[in-house]
């Protein structure tokens, strides 16, 4: 599974890009907008590594088993 596919699974599980952005904003206290999620999926080729643990914790709450190494393999190599 590619990092983009893993992120898309989380987006789908949470109910869309806006829902993921809202959840990340609540966890970080930073303004994460739907446009950020779209950029990660379509322009940037993945997420900033600092968001990987947050997205993993959100995915676990929705019954997914996504890992940091799936989301950012260059930054979080398989242990």
C-alpha atoms as a PDB file:
ATOM      1  CA  UNK A   1       0.000   0.000   0.000  1.00  0.00           C
ATOM      2  CA  UNK A   2       1.340   3.425  -0.917  1.00  0.00           C
ATOM      3  CA  UNK A   3       1.382   6.377   1.495  1.00  0.00           C
ATOM      4  CA  UNK A   4      -1.344   8.064  -0.564  1.00  0.00           C
ATOM      5  CA  UNK A   5      -3.538   4.954  -0.426  1.00  0.00           C
ATOM      6  CA  UNK A   6      -3.044   4.740   3.352  1.00  0.00           C
ATOM      7  CA  UNK A   7      -3.995   8.390   3.770  1.00  0.00           C
ATOM      8  CA  UNK A   8      -7.039   7.925   1.533  1.00  0.00           C
ATOM      9  CA  UNK A   9      -8.195   5.026   3.745  1.00  0.00           C
ATOM     10  CA  UNK A  10      -8.075   7.316   6.767  1.00  0.00           C
ATOM     11  CA  UNK A  11      -9.880  10.082   4.876  1.00  0.00           C
ATOM     12  CA  UNK A  12     -12.631   7.644   3.898  1.00  0.00           C
ATOM     13  CA  UNK A  13     -12.917   6.226   7.431  1.00  0.00           C
ATOM     14  CA  UNK A  14     -13.287   9.673   8.982  1.00  0.00           C
ATOM     15  CA  UNK A  15     -15.867  10.809   6.454  1.00  0.00           C
ATOM     16  CA  UNK A  16     -13.863  12.982   4.086  1.00  0.00           C
ATOM     17  CA  UNK A  17     -11.043  15.461   3.812  1.00  0.00           C
ATOM     18  CA  UNK A  18     -12.872  18.116   5.824  1.00  0.00           C
ATOM     19  CA  UNK A  19     -13.501  15.690   8.683  1.00  0.00           C
ATOM     20  CA  UNK A  20      -9.824  14.709   8.817  1.00  0.00           C
ATOM     21  CA  UNK A  21      -8.756  18.360   8.715  1.00  0.00           C
ATOM     22  CA  UNK A  22     -11.149  19.204  11.550  1.00  0.00           C
ATOM     23  CA  UNK A  23      -9.906  16.277  13.656  1.00  0.00           C
ATOM     24  CA  UNK A  24      -6.259  17.255  13.120  1.00  0.00           C
ATOM     25  CA  UNK A  25      -7.038  20.883  13.989  1.00  0.00           C
ATOM     26  CA  UNK A  26      -8.622  19.785  17.250  1.00  0.00           C
ATOM     27  CA  UNK A  27      -5.634  17.589  18.140  1.00  0.00           C
ATOM     28  CA  UNK A  28      -2.940  20.104  17.252  1.00  0.00           C
ATOM     29  CA  UNK A  29      -4.564  23.447  17.962  1.00  0.00           C
ATOM     30  CA  UNK A  30      -3.347  24.509  14.522  1.00  0.00           C
ATOM     31  CA  UNK A  31      -5.497  25.421  11.577  1.00  0.00           C
ATOM     32  CA  UNK A  32      -5.520  22.399   9.273  1.00  0.00           C
ATOM     33  CA  UNK A  33      -7.862  22.945   6.346  1.00  0.00           C
ATOM     34  CA  UNK A  34      -9.382  20.635   3.767  1.00  0.00           C
ATOM     35  CA  UNK A  35      -7.009  22.182   1.223  1.00  0.00           C
ATOM     36  CA  UNK A  36      -4.060  20.802   3.194  1.00  0.00           C
ATOM     37  CA  UNK A  37      -5.476  17.288   2.978  1.00  0.00           C
ATOM     38  CA  UNK A  38      -6.132  17.683  -0.753  1.00  0.00           C
ATOM     39  CA  UNK A  39      -2.565  18.902  -1.267  1.00  0.00           C
ATOM     40  CA  UNK A  40      -1.152  15.929   0.646  1.00  0.00           C
ATOM     41  CA  UNK A  41      -3.179  13.550  -1.520  1.00  0.00           C
ATOM     42  CA  UNK A  42      -2.741  15.217  -4.905  1.00  0.00           C
ATOM     43  CA  UNK A  43       0.198  17.584  -4.937  1.00  0.00           C
ATOM     44  CA  UNK A  44       2.678  16.863  -2.166  1.00  0.00           C
ATOM     45  CA  UNK A  45       2.834  13.084  -2.441  1.00  0.00           C
ATOM     46  CA  UNK A  46       2.116  12.504   1.238  1.00  0.00           C
ATOM     47  CA  UNK A  47       1.834  14.073   4.647  1.00  0.00           C
ATOM     48  CA  UNK A  48       4.368  16.041   6.673  1.00  0.00           C
ATOM     49  CA  UNK A  49       6.049  13.475   8.957  1.00  0.00           C
ATOM     50  CA  UNK A  50       4.964  15.302  12.122  1.00  0.00           C
ATOM     51  CA  UNK A  51       1.320  14.479  11.350  1.00  0.00           C
ATOM     52  CA  UNK A  52       1.871  10.718  10.992  1.00  0.00           C
ATOM     53  CA  UNK A  53       1.439   9.813  14.704  1.00  0.00           C
ATOM     54  CA  UNK A  54      -1.711  11.943  14.896  1.00  0.00           C
ATOM     55  CA  UNK A  55      -3.219  10.317  11.824  1.00  0.00           C
ATOM     56  CA  UNK A  56      -2.307   6.868  13.167  1.00  0.00           C
ATOM     57  CA  UNK A  57      -4.137   7.587  16.433  1.00  0.00           C
ATOM     58  CA  UNK A  58      -7.197   8.825  14.518  1.00  0.00           C
ATOM     59  CA  UNK A  59      -7.153   5.731  12.319  1.00  0.00           C
ATOM     60  CA  UNK A  60      -7.050   3.431  15.374  1.00  0.00           C
ATOM     61  CA  UNK A  61     -10.165   5.134  16.755  1.00  0.00           C
ATOM     62  CA  UNK A  62     -11.910   4.146  13.518  1.00  0.00           C
ATOM     63  CA  UNK A  63     -10.699   0.537  13.469  1.00  0.00           C
ATOM     64  CA  UNK A  64      -7.886   0.892  10.934  1.00  0.00           C
ATOM     65  CA  UNK A  65      -4.355  -0.412  11.333  1.00  0.00           C
ATOM     66  CA  UNK A  66      -2.355   2.307   9.617  1.00  0.00           C
ATOM     67  CA  UNK A  67       1.243   2.808  10.752  1.00  0.00           C
ATOM     68  CA  UNK A  68       3.637   5.725  10.585  1.00  0.00           C
ATOM     69  CA  UNK A  69       5.830   3.689   8.247  1.00  0.00           C
ATOM     70  CA  UNK A  70       2.902   3.329   5.827  1.00  0.00           C
ATOM     71  CA  UNK A  71       2.206   7.061   5.863  1.00  0.00           C
ATOM     72  CA  UNK A  72       5.846   8.270   5.749  1.00  0.00           C
ATOM     73  CA  UNK A  73       8.156   5.390   4.803  1.00  0.00           C
ATOM     74  CA  UNK A  74      11.199   7.644   4.298  1.00  0.00           C
ATOM     75  CA  UNK A  75      10.876   9.219   7.739  1.00  0.00           C
ATOM     76  CA  UNK A  76       9.539   6.199   9.667  1.00  0.00           C
ATOM     77  CA  UNK A  77      11.246   3.097   8.222  1.00  0.00           C
ATOM     78  CA  UNK A  78       9.891  -0.302   9.224  1.00  0.00           C
ATOM     79  CA  UNK A  79      11.277  -1.320  12.574  1.00  0.00           C
END
